[in-house]
Amino acid sequence: MADSFNFELVSPEKLLLSARVTEIVLPATEGEMTVMANHAPFMTTIRPGVVTVKAEDGTVSKFVVFGGFADILPSGCTLLAETAYATADFTRDILSGRVELARADLESSQSDEGRSRVNQLIVDLESLANVIG
């Protein structure tokens, strides 16, 4: 059996999860990463995506996050999300609103770097359509 560690998923609105877990898959900016007990200390930014959490009892839960950062220590992980939803609460309207805002940002962006960043954001957001039930 895998070792467990503390995990907290926090958004400005609420604490979504505080539990002992054995594994977390995070949508880190540089790609998905798996966190397990005794992970080397690490801090990463989070892109829009799905966080998959495997609890100590083996149950798996998923959350949609929109940006933030994760602080990973050997004893635990805290993910501070810009916005987060349990997948059951994530709707097409929420996603459409986010995509509309990103498209408006794209139109007003004045640098190639800014347009590139917003284009990647739109791709990340559109990939979340498959999460909607």
N, C-alpha and C. Protein backbone atom coordinates (compact mmCIF):
# COMPACT_ATOMS: atom_id res chain seq x y z
N MET A 1 0.84 -1.18 0.00
CA MET A 1 0.00 0.00 0.00
C MET A 1 0.88 1.24 0.00
N ALA A 2 0.50 2.23 -0.81
CA ALA A 2 1.27 3.45 -0.92
C ALA A 2 1.13 4.29 0.35
N ASP A 3 2.19 5.03 0.66
CA ASP A 3 2.14 5.95 1.80
C ASP A 3 1.16 7.07 1.49
N SER A 4 0.57 7.62 2.52
CA SER A 4 -0.37 8.73 2.32
C SER A 4 0.26 10.03 2.82
N PHE A 5 -0.35 11.12 2.41
CA PHE A 5 0.11 12.44 2.81
C PHE A 5 -1.08 13.39 2.81
N ASN A 6 -0.89 14.57 3.40
CA ASN A 6 -1.96 15.57 3.48
C ASN A 6 -2.08 16.34 2.17
N PHE A 7 -3.33 16.56 1.75
CA PHE A 7 -3.58 17.37 0.56
C PHE A 7 -4.72 18.33 0.84
N GLU A 8 -4.52 19.58 0.43
CA GLU A 8 -5.58 20.58 0.54
C GLU A 8 -5.73 21.28 -0.80
N LEU A 9 -6.98 21.37 -1.25
CA LEU A 9 -7.33 22.13 -2.45
C LEU A 9 -8.17 23.31 -2.00
N VAL A 10 -7.64 24.51 -2.21
CA VAL A 10 -8.26 25.73 -1.70
C VAL A 10 -8.48 26.70 -2.85
N SER A 11 -9.67 27.30 -2.88
CA SER A 11 -9.93 28.40 -3.80
C SER A 11 -10.27 29.62 -2.94
N PRO A 12 -10.33 30.80 -3.52
CA PRO A 12 -10.68 31.97 -2.70
C PRO A 12 -12.05 31.84 -2.04
N GLU A 13 -12.94 31.07 -2.65
CA GLU A 13 -14.29 30.92 -2.12
C GLU A 13 -14.38 29.92 -0.97
N LYS A 14 -13.59 28.82 -1.06
CA LYS A 14 -13.74 27.78 -0.04
C LYS A 14 -12.63 26.74 -0.10
N LEU A 15 -12.60 25.94 0.94
CA LEU A 15 -11.73 24.77 1.00
C LEU A 15 -12.50 23.64 0.34
N LEU A 16 -12.04 23.16 -0.81
CA LEU A 16 -12.75 22.11 -1.54
C LEU A 16 -12.43 20.72 -1.02
N LEU A 17 -11.19 20.53 -0.56
CA LEU A 17 -10.80 19.21 -0.07
C LEU A 17 -9.64 19.33 0.89
N SER A 18 -9.73 18.62 1.98
CA SER A 18 -8.63 18.47 2.92
C SER A 18 -8.67 17.01 3.34
N ALA A 19 -7.67 16.23 2.90
CA ALA A 19 -7.74 14.78 3.11
C ALA A 19 -6.36 14.16 3.08
N ARG A 20 -6.30 12.92 3.58
CA ARG A 20 -5.11 12.08 3.43
C ARG A 20 -5.26 11.37 2.09
N VAL A 21 -4.25 11.49 1.25
CA VAL A 21 -4.30 10.91 -0.09
C VAL A 21 -3.03 10.12 -0.37
N THR A 22 -3.10 9.29 -1.41
CA THR A 22 -1.91 8.53 -1.80
C THR A 22 -1.31 9.04 -3.10
N GLU A 23 -2.11 9.80 -3.87
CA GLU A 23 -1.63 10.27 -5.17
C GLU A 23 -2.48 11.44 -5.66
N ILE A 24 -1.81 12.39 -6.31
CA ILE A 24 -2.49 13.52 -6.93
C ILE A 24 -1.87 13.71 -8.32
N VAL A 25 -2.72 13.95 -9.31
CA VAL A 25 -2.22 14.32 -10.63
C VAL A 25 -2.64 15.77 -10.87
N LEU A 26 -1.63 16.62 -11.08
CA LEU A 26 -1.84 18.06 -11.22
C LEU A 26 -1.61 18.52 -12.66
N PRO A 27 -2.41 19.49 -13.13
CA PRO A 27 -2.14 20.08 -14.45
C PRO A 27 -1.12 21.22 -14.30
N ALA A 28 0.13 20.86 -14.10
CA ALA A 28 1.18 21.88 -13.93
C ALA A 28 1.41 22.59 -15.26
N THR A 29 1.94 23.78 -15.19
CA THR A 29 2.15 24.59 -16.38
C THR A 29 3.01 23.88 -17.42
N GLU A 30 3.99 23.15 -16.97
CA GLU A 30 4.90 22.46 -17.91
C GLU A 30 4.42 21.06 -18.27
N GLY A 31 3.23 20.66 -17.83
CA GLY A 31 2.67 19.34 -18.13
C GLY A 31 2.14 18.69 -16.87
N GLU A 32 1.40 17.61 -17.06
CA GLU A 32 0.84 16.92 -15.90
C GLU A 32 1.94 16.33 -15.04
N MET A 33 1.73 16.37 -13.74
CA MET A 33 2.70 15.78 -12.82
C MET A 33 1.97 15.01 -11.73
N THR A 34 2.56 13.93 -11.31
CA THR A 34 2.00 13.11 -10.24
C THR A 34 2.78 13.39 -8.96
N VAL A 35 2.03 13.59 -7.88
CA VAL A 35 2.62 13.84 -6.57
C VAL A 35 2.26 12.67 -5.67
N MET A 36 3.27 12.13 -4.99
CA MET A 36 3.06 11.05 -4.03
C MET A 36 3.78 11.42 -2.74
N ALA A 37 3.58 10.63 -1.71
CA ALA A 37 4.21 10.88 -0.42
C ALA A 37 5.73 10.97 -0.59
N ASN A 38 6.35 11.81 0.20
CA ASN A 38 7.81 12.00 0.23
C ASN A 38 8.36 12.62 -1.05
N HIS A 39 7.51 13.34 -1.79
CA HIS A 39 7.95 14.04 -2.99
C HIS A 39 8.97 15.11 -2.59
N ALA A 40 9.93 15.35 -3.42
CA ALA A 40 10.90 16.41 -3.17
C ALA A 40 10.18 17.76 -3.11
N PRO A 41 10.64 18.68 -2.28
CA PRO A 41 10.01 20.00 -2.22
C PRO A 41 10.00 20.64 -3.61
N PHE A 42 8.85 21.21 -3.96
CA PHE A 42 8.69 21.74 -5.31
C PHE A 42 7.51 22.71 -5.30
N MET A 43 7.61 23.75 -6.09
CA MET A 43 6.48 24.67 -6.25
C MET A 43 6.26 24.82 -7.74
N THR A 44 4.99 24.79 -8.16
CA THR A 44 4.69 24.91 -9.58
C THR A 44 3.42 25.72 -9.78
N THR A 45 3.35 26.38 -10.91
CA THR A 45 2.11 27.04 -11.29
C THR A 45 1.19 26.01 -11.93
N ILE A 46 -0.10 26.31 -11.89
CA ILE A 46 -1.11 25.38 -12.39
C ILE A 46 -1.83 26.03 -13.56
N ARG A 47 -2.03 25.25 -14.62
CA ARG A 47 -2.81 25.74 -15.76
C ARG A 47 -4.24 25.22 -15.63
N PRO A 48 -5.19 25.75 -16.38
CA PRO A 48 -6.55 25.20 -16.32
C PRO A 48 -6.53 23.71 -16.68
N GLY A 49 -7.20 22.91 -15.87
CA GLY A 49 -7.22 21.48 -16.12
C GLY A 49 -7.90 20.73 -15.00
N VAL A 50 -7.68 19.43 -14.99
CA VAL A 50 -8.32 18.54 -14.02
C VAL A 50 -7.28 18.05 -13.02
N VAL A 51 -7.63 18.15 -11.74
CA VAL A 51 -6.83 17.58 -10.66
C VAL A 51 -7.49 16.27 -10.27
N THR A 52 -6.73 15.18 -10.32
CA THR A 52 -7.24 13.87 -9.94
C THR A 52 -6.60 13.49 -8.61
N VAL A 53 -7.45 13.12 -7.65
CA VAL A 53 -6.99 12.83 -6.29
C VAL A 53 -7.40 11.40 -5.92
N LYS A 54 -6.42 10.61 -5.51
CA LYS A 54 -6.70 9.26 -5.02
C LYS A 54 -6.58 9.28 -3.50
N ALA A 55 -7.70 9.07 -2.82
CA ALA A 55 -7.74 9.12 -1.36
C ALA A 55 -7.10 7.87 -0.76
N GLU A 56 -6.83 7.98 0.52
CA GLU A 56 -6.23 6.88 1.28
C GLU A 56 -7.05 5.59 1.15
N ASP A 57 -8.39 5.72 1.07
CA ASP A 57 -9.25 4.54 0.98
C ASP A 57 -9.42 4.04 -0.46
N GLY A 58 -8.72 4.67 -1.43
CA GLY A 58 -8.77 4.22 -2.81
C GLY A 58 -9.77 4.94 -3.69
N THR A 59 -10.66 5.74 -3.11
CA THR A 59 -11.61 6.48 -3.93
C THR A 59 -10.90 7.59 -4.70
N VAL A 60 -11.42 7.85 -5.89
CA VAL A 60 -10.83 8.87 -6.75
C VAL A 60 -11.83 10.01 -6.93
N SER A 61 -11.37 11.25 -6.76
CA SER A 61 -12.20 12.41 -7.01
C SER A 61 -11.46 13.33 -7.97
N LYS A 62 -12.26 14.09 -8.73
CA LYS A 62 -11.68 15.00 -9.71
C LYS A 62 -12.25 16.40 -9.53
N PHE A 63 -11.39 17.37 -9.79
CA PHE A 63 -11.74 18.77 -9.67
C PHE A 63 -11.23 19.52 -10.89
N VAL A 64 -11.98 20.50 -11.35
CA VAL A 64 -11.55 21.38 -12.43
C VAL A 64 -10.97 22.63 -11.78
N VAL A 65 -9.77 23.01 -12.19
CA VAL A 65 -9.13 24.20 -11.65
C VAL A 65 -8.78 25.16 -12.78
N PHE A 66 -8.80 26.44 -12.45
CA PHE A 66 -8.43 27.49 -13.40
C PHE A 66 -7.26 28.26 -12.82
N GLY A 67 -6.06 27.77 -13.06
CA GLY A 67 -4.87 28.46 -12.61
C GLY A 67 -4.64 28.36 -11.11
N GLY A 68 -3.47 28.86 -10.71
CA GLY A 68 -3.09 28.84 -9.31
C GLY A 68 -1.67 28.33 -9.17
N PHE A 69 -1.35 27.83 -7.98
CA PHE A 69 -0.04 27.22 -7.79
C PHE A 69 -0.13 26.14 -6.73
N ALA A 70 0.82 25.20 -6.79
CA ALA A 70 0.88 24.10 -5.83
C ALA A 70 2.20 24.16 -5.09
N ASP A 71 2.12 23.97 -3.79
CA ASP A 71 3.28 23.90 -2.93
C ASP A 71 3.39 22.45 -2.48
N ILE A 72 4.45 21.78 -2.91
CA ILE A 72 4.62 20.35 -2.65
C ILE A 72 5.78 20.17 -1.68
N LEU A 73 5.52 19.41 -0.62
CA LEU A 73 6.53 19.07 0.38
C LEU A 73 6.51 17.55 0.57
N PRO A 74 7.54 16.97 1.17
CA PRO A 74 7.51 15.52 1.41
C PRO A 74 6.30 15.07 2.24
N SER A 75 5.80 15.95 3.10
CA SER A 75 4.69 15.58 3.98
C SER A 75 3.31 15.98 3.47
N GLY A 76 3.25 16.72 2.36
CA GLY A 76 1.95 17.14 1.89
C GLY A 76 1.99 18.06 0.69
N CYS A 77 0.80 18.45 0.23
CA CYS A 77 0.67 19.32 -0.93
C CYS A 77 -0.52 20.24 -0.70
N THR A 78 -0.33 21.51 -1.00
CA THR A 78 -1.42 22.48 -0.96
C THR A 78 -1.53 23.10 -2.34
N LEU A 79 -2.74 23.03 -2.90
CA LEU A 79 -3.00 23.64 -4.19
C LEU A 79 -3.91 24.84 -3.95
N LEU A 80 -3.39 26.03 -4.26
CA LEU A 80 -4.15 27.26 -4.14
C LEU A 80 -4.63 27.62 -5.54
N ALA A 81 -5.90 27.36 -5.81
CA ALA A 81 -6.46 27.55 -7.14
C ALA A 81 -7.09 28.92 -7.29
N GLU A 82 -6.95 29.49 -8.47
CA GLU A 82 -7.63 30.75 -8.78
C GLU A 82 -9.14 30.54 -8.64
N THR A 83 -9.63 29.46 -9.22
CA THR A 83 -11.02 29.02 -9.13
C THR A 83 -11.01 27.51 -9.25
N ALA A 84 -11.90 26.83 -8.53
CA ALA A 84 -11.95 25.37 -8.61
C ALA A 84 -13.39 24.89 -8.41
N TYR A 85 -13.70 23.78 -9.06
CA TYR A 85 -15.02 23.16 -8.97
C TYR A 85 -14.85 21.65 -8.88
N ALA A 86 -15.71 20.99 -8.11
CA ALA A 86 -15.82 19.54 -8.22
C ALA A 86 -16.37 19.29 -9.62
N THR A 87 -15.94 18.22 -10.29
CA THR A 87 -16.38 18.01 -11.67
C THR A 87 -17.91 17.95 -11.77
N ALA A 88 -18.59 17.48 -10.75
CA ALA A 88 -20.06 17.42 -10.77
C ALA A 88 -20.68 18.81 -10.84
N ASP A 89 -19.96 19.84 -10.38
CA ASP A 89 -20.48 21.21 -10.36
C ASP A 89 -20.03 22.03 -11.57
N PHE A 90 -19.20 21.45 -12.41
CA PHE A 90 -18.64 22.16 -13.56
C PHE A 90 -19.62 22.07 -14.73
N THR A 91 -20.03 23.23 -15.27
CA THR A 91 -21.05 23.26 -16.32
C THR A 91 -20.53 23.87 -17.61
N ARG A 92 -21.27 23.64 -18.67
CA ARG A 92 -20.94 24.23 -19.97
C ARG A 92 -20.99 25.76 -19.90
N ASP A 93 -21.90 26.31 -19.11
CA ASP A 93 -21.98 27.78 -18.96
C ASP A 93 -20.71 28.35 -18.32
N ILE A 94 -20.19 27.67 -17.32
CA ILE A 94 -18.95 28.12 -16.68
C ILE A 94 -17.82 28.13 -17.70
N LEU A 95 -17.71 27.04 -18.46
CA LEU A 95 -16.65 26.93 -19.46
C LEU A 95 -16.82 28.00 -20.55
N SER A 96 -18.03 28.18 -21.04
CA SER A 96 -18.29 29.17 -22.10
C SER A 96 -17.91 30.58 -21.64
N GLY A 97 -18.24 30.89 -20.39
CA GLY A 97 -17.89 32.21 -19.86
C GLY A 97 -16.38 32.42 -19.83
N ARG A 98 -15.66 31.40 -19.41
CA ARG A 98 -14.19 31.50 -19.37
C ARG A 98 -13.59 31.65 -20.76
N VAL A 99 -14.11 30.90 -21.72
CA VAL A 99 -13.60 30.99 -23.10
C VAL A 99 -13.90 32.37 -23.68
N GLU A 100 -15.09 32.90 -23.42
CA GLU A 100 -15.43 34.25 -23.91
C GLU A 100 -14.48 35.30 -23.36
N LEU A 101 -14.19 35.22 -22.06
CA LEU A 101 -13.25 36.18 -21.46
C LEU A 101 -11.86 36.06 -22.10
N ALA A 102 -11.42 34.83 -22.33
CA ALA A 102 -10.10 34.62 -22.94
C ALA A 102 -10.07 35.17 -24.36
N ARG A 103 -11.14 34.96 -25.12
CA ARG A 103 -11.18 35.49 -26.50
C ARG A 103 -11.16 37.03 -26.49
N ALA A 104 -11.82 37.64 -25.53
CA ALA A 104 -11.78 39.10 -25.41
C ALA A 104 -10.37 39.57 -25.09
N ASP A 105 -9.67 38.83 -24.21
CA ASP A 105 -8.28 39.16 -23.89
C ASP A 105 -7.39 39.02 -25.12
N LEU A 106 -7.68 38.02 -25.94
CA LEU A 106 -6.89 37.80 -27.16
C LEU A 106 -7.02 38.99 -28.10
N GLU A 107 -8.23 39.49 -28.24
CA GLU A 107 -8.47 40.63 -29.13
C GLU A 107 -7.77 41.89 -28.63
N SER A 108 -7.66 42.04 -27.32
CA SER A 108 -7.05 43.26 -26.79
C SER A 108 -5.55 43.12 -26.55
N SER A 109 -5.01 41.92 -26.70
CA SER A 109 -3.58 41.71 -26.46
C SER A 109 -2.76 42.40 -27.54
N GLN A 110 -1.70 43.10 -27.12
CA GLN A 110 -0.91 43.88 -28.07
C GLN A 110 0.46 43.30 -28.35
N SER A 111 0.84 42.23 -27.67
CA SER A 111 2.16 41.65 -27.92
C SER A 111 2.02 40.21 -28.41
N ASP A 112 3.02 39.76 -29.15
CA ASP A 112 3.02 38.37 -29.62
C ASP A 112 3.04 37.41 -28.44
N GLU A 113 3.82 37.75 -27.41
CA GLU A 113 3.90 36.90 -26.21
C GLU A 113 2.54 36.80 -25.53
N GLY A 114 1.86 37.93 -25.41
CA GLY A 114 0.53 37.95 -24.79
C GLY A 114 -0.46 37.13 -25.58
N ARG A 115 -0.46 37.28 -26.91
CA ARG A 115 -1.37 36.51 -27.76
C ARG A 115 -1.07 35.03 -27.67
N SER A 116 0.19 34.67 -27.63
CA SER A 116 0.58 33.27 -27.52
C SER A 116 0.08 32.67 -26.20
N ARG A 117 0.24 33.42 -25.11
CA ARG A 117 -0.21 32.96 -23.79
C ARG A 117 -1.73 32.77 -23.77
N VAL A 118 -2.46 33.72 -24.35
CA VAL A 118 -3.92 33.63 -24.35
C VAL A 118 -4.38 32.50 -25.27
N ASN A 119 -3.71 32.32 -26.40
CA ASN A 119 -4.06 31.19 -27.28
C ASN A 119 -3.90 29.86 -26.55
N GLN A 120 -2.83 29.72 -25.77
CA GLN A 120 -2.63 28.48 -25.01
C GLN A 120 -3.72 28.32 -23.96
N LEU A 121 -4.11 29.41 -23.34
CA LEU A 121 -5.19 29.38 -22.36
C LEU A 121 -6.48 28.89 -23.01
N ILE A 122 -6.79 29.39 -24.19
CA ILE A 122 -8.00 28.96 -24.90
C ILE A 122 -7.94 27.48 -25.21
N VAL A 123 -6.80 26.98 -25.65
CA VAL A 123 -6.64 25.54 -25.91
C VAL A 123 -6.87 24.74 -24.63
N ASP A 124 -6.27 25.19 -23.52
CA ASP A 124 -6.45 24.50 -22.24
C ASP A 124 -7.92 24.50 -21.83
N LEU A 125 -8.58 25.64 -21.99
CA LEU A 125 -10.00 25.73 -21.61
C LEU A 125 -10.85 24.82 -22.49
N GLU A 126 -10.63 24.84 -23.78
CA GLU A 126 -11.44 24.02 -24.68
C GLU A 126 -11.26 22.54 -24.42
N SER A 127 -10.10 22.15 -23.91
CA SER A 127 -9.86 20.73 -23.60
C SER A 127 -10.71 20.28 -22.40
N LEU A 128 -11.23 21.22 -21.63
CA LEU A 128 -12.06 20.88 -20.48
C LEU A 128 -13.49 20.51 -20.87
N ALA A 129 -13.86 20.68 -22.13
CA ALA A 129 -15.22 20.36 -22.58
C ALA A 129 -15.56 18.88 -22.33
N ASN A 130 -14.55 18.01 -22.40
CA ASN A 130 -14.81 16.58 -22.20
C ASN A 130 -15.08 16.23 -20.73
N VAL A 131 -14.88 17.17 -19.81
CA VAL A 131 -15.13 16.93 -18.39
C VAL A 131 -16.62 17.10 -18.06
N ILE A 132 -17.30 17.90 -18.88
CA ILE A 132 -18.71 18.21 -18.62
C ILE A 132 -19.56 16.97 -18.89
N GLY A 133 -20.38 16.61 -17.89
CA GLY A 133 -21.19 15.41 -17.98
C GLY A 133 -22.42 15.54 -18.80
